[in-house]
Amino acid sequence: MADNPKSVSLKEAVRSIADPAKRKEVGRAIWMDTLTPLGNLKARDDFLERHRDDGYHIHIDLNNFKHVNDTYGHDAGDKAITSFG
């Protein structure tokens, strides 16, 4: 981003939105998972960058979830993810 003086970070872009309700909505769309009340990968990466030297962090990844969706359907997969989150 430093190479282009007109480029801004996502945080700067969100902060520049004047309407507080719209700013909150856009921020949530960028940083939060749409299904659970948890942060998404972007939020995780930002957190880990800011807290790199703070100690230990636990990261849980649900692998092979395609099998759940294919076997039980996407609604059941969504419920499983939501209950885990």
C-alpha atoms as a PDB file:
ATOM      1  CA  MET A   1       0.000   0.000   0.000  1.00  0.00           C
ATOM      2  CA  ALA A   2       2.882   2.362   0.625  1.00  0.00           C
ATOM      3  CA  ASP A   3       3.701   2.376  -3.095  1.00  0.00           C
ATOM      4  CA  ASN A   4       0.422   4.102  -3.931  1.00  0.00           C
ATOM      5  CA  PRO A   5      -0.168   7.316  -1.937  1.00  0.00           C
ATOM      6  CA  LYS A   6      -3.911   7.150  -2.683  1.00  0.00           C
ATOM      7  CA  SER A   7      -4.416   3.642  -1.291  1.00  0.00           C
ATOM      8  CA  VAL A   8      -5.867   3.237   2.195  1.00  0.00           C
ATOM      9  CA  SER A   9      -6.278   0.296   4.529  1.00  0.00           C
ATOM     10  CA  LEU A  10      -9.671  -1.268   5.158  1.00  0.00           C
ATOM     11  CA  LYS A  11      -9.624   0.182   8.675  1.00  0.00           C
ATOM     12  CA  GLU A  12      -9.030   3.681   7.297  1.00  0.00           C
ATOM     13  CA  ALA A  13     -11.773   3.223   4.716  1.00  0.00           C
ATOM     14  CA  VAL A  14     -14.291   2.086   7.352  1.00  0.00           C
ATOM     15  CA  ARG A  15     -13.336   4.934   9.700  1.00  0.00           C
ATOM     16  CA  SER A  16     -13.945   7.428   6.890  1.00  0.00           C
ATOM     17  CA  ILE A  17     -17.665   6.527   6.687  1.00  0.00           C
ATOM     18  CA  ALA A  18     -19.510   9.415   8.340  1.00  0.00           C
ATOM     19  CA  ASP A  19     -22.742   7.633   9.323  1.00  0.00           C
ATOM     20  CA  PRO A  20     -22.023   5.615  12.528  1.00  0.00           C
ATOM     21  CA  ALA A  21     -24.676   2.982  11.752  1.00  0.00           C
ATOM     22  CA  LYS A  22     -23.332   2.449   8.230  1.00  0.00           C
ATOM     23  CA  ARG A  23     -19.747   2.375   9.545  1.00  0.00           C
ATOM     24  CA  LYS A  24     -20.708  -0.368  12.024  1.00  0.00           C
ATOM     25  CA  GLU A  25     -22.523  -2.347   9.320  1.00  0.00           C
ATOM     26  CA  VAL A  26     -19.577  -2.184   6.905  1.00  0.00           C
ATOM     27  CA  GLY A  27     -17.072  -3.018   9.640  1.00  0.00           C
ATOM     28  CA  ARG A  28     -19.104  -6.041  10.650  1.00  0.00           C
ATOM     29  CA  ALA A  29     -19.345  -7.222   7.041  1.00  0.00           C
ATOM     30  CA  ILE A  30     -15.564  -7.014   6.675  1.00  0.00           C
ATOM     31  CA  TRP A  31     -14.492  -8.573   9.979  1.00  0.00           C
ATOM     32  CA  MET A  32     -17.274 -10.951  11.072  1.00  0.00           C
ATOM     33  CA  ASP A  33     -18.381 -14.379   9.901  1.00  0.00           C
ATOM     34  CA  THR A  34     -21.855 -14.213   8.368  1.00  0.00           C
ATOM     35  CA  LEU A  35     -23.093 -17.332  10.168  1.00  0.00           C
ATOM     36  CA  THR A  36     -21.620 -17.161  13.664  1.00  0.00           C
ATOM     37  CA  PRO A  37     -20.895 -14.311  16.087  1.00  0.00           C
ATOM     38  CA  LEU A  38     -17.175 -14.949  15.537  1.00  0.00           C
ATOM     39  CA  GLY A  39     -14.554 -13.023  13.654  1.00  0.00           C
ATOM     40  CA  ASN A  40     -13.604 -14.266  10.195  1.00  0.00           C
ATOM     41  CA  LEU A  41     -10.122 -15.111   8.890  1.00  0.00           C
ATOM     42  CA  LYS A  42      -9.380 -11.429   8.273  1.00  0.00           C
ATOM     43  CA  ALA A  43     -10.208 -10.640  11.905  1.00  0.00           C
ATOM     44  CA  ARG A  44      -8.082 -13.564  13.075  1.00  0.00           C
ATOM     45  CA  ASP A  45      -5.102 -12.468  10.991  1.00  0.00           C
ATOM     46  CA  ASP A  46      -5.420  -8.894  12.261  1.00  0.00           C
ATOM     47  CA  PHE A  47      -5.668 -10.107  15.861  1.00  0.00           C
ATOM     48  CA  LEU A  48      -2.617 -12.355  15.519  1.00  0.00           C
ATOM     49  CA  GLU A  49      -0.630  -9.532  13.933  1.00  0.00           C
ATOM     50  CA  ARG A  50      -1.475  -7.161  16.798  1.00  0.00           C
ATOM     51  CA  HIS A  51      -0.913  -9.754  19.545  1.00  0.00           C
ATOM     52  CA  ARG A  52       2.003 -11.665  18.081  1.00  0.00           C
ATOM     53  CA  ASP A  53       4.127 -11.424  21.223  1.00  0.00           C
ATOM     54  CA  ASP A  54       1.364 -11.710  23.854  1.00  0.00           C
ATOM     55  CA  GLY A  55       1.633 -15.451  24.443  1.00  0.00           C
ATOM     56  CA  TYR A  56      -0.301 -18.440  23.179  1.00  0.00           C
ATOM     57  CA  HIS A  57      -3.358 -18.376  20.923  1.00  0.00           C
ATOM     58  CA  ILE A  58      -5.733 -21.189  20.051  1.00  0.00           C
ATOM     59  CA  HIS A  59      -6.977 -21.537  16.498  1.00  0.00           C
ATOM     60  CA  ILE A  60      -9.616 -24.112  15.588  1.00  0.00           C
ATOM     61  CA  ASP A  61     -10.283 -25.039  11.984  1.00  0.00           C
ATOM     62  CA  LEU A  62     -13.163 -27.292  10.993  1.00  0.00           C
ATOM     63  CA  ASN A  63     -11.651 -29.426   8.234  1.00  0.00           C
ATOM     64  CA  ASN A  64     -13.466 -31.609   5.713  1.00  0.00           C
ATOM     65  CA  PHE A  65     -16.741 -29.834   6.333  1.00  0.00           C
ATOM     66  CA  LYS A  66     -17.779 -30.473   2.719  1.00  0.00           C
ATOM     67  CA  HIS A  67     -18.597 -34.040   3.788  1.00  0.00           C
ATOM     68  CA  VAL A  68     -21.118 -32.766   6.365  1.00  0.00           C
ATOM     69  CA  ASN A  69     -22.796 -30.484   3.817  1.00  0.00           C
ATOM     70  CA  ASP A  70     -22.859 -33.199   1.131  1.00  0.00           C
ATOM     71  CA  THR A  71     -24.199 -35.865   3.484  1.00  0.00           C
ATOM     72  CA  TYR A  72     -26.670 -33.915   5.638  1.00  0.00           C
ATOM     73  CA  GLY A  73     -27.311 -30.778   3.563  1.00  0.00           C
ATOM     74  CA  HIS A  74     -26.235 -27.164   3.923  1.00  0.00           C
ATOM     75  CA  ASP A  75     -28.894 -26.311   6.511  1.00  0.00           C
ATOM     76  CA  ALA A  76     -27.553 -29.032   8.814  1.00  0.00           C
ATOM     77  CA  GLY A  77     -23.978 -27.876   8.134  1.00  0.00           C
ATOM     78  CA  ASP A  78     -24.934 -24.293   8.976  1.00  0.00           C
ATOM     79  CA  LYS A  79     -26.531 -25.449  12.242  1.00  0.00           C
ATOM     80  CA  ALA A  80     -23.420 -27.437  13.142  1.00  0.00           C
ATOM     81  CA  ILE A  81     -21.136 -24.466  12.474  1.00  0.00           C
ATOM     82  CA  THR A  82     -23.439 -22.111  14.381  1.00  0.00           C
ATOM     83  CA  SER A  83     -23.578 -24.418  17.398  1.00  0.00           C
ATOM     84  CA  PHE A  84     -19.796 -24.772  17.366  1.00  0.00           C
ATOM     85  CA  GLY A  85     -19.314 -20.996  17.123  1.00  0.00           C
END
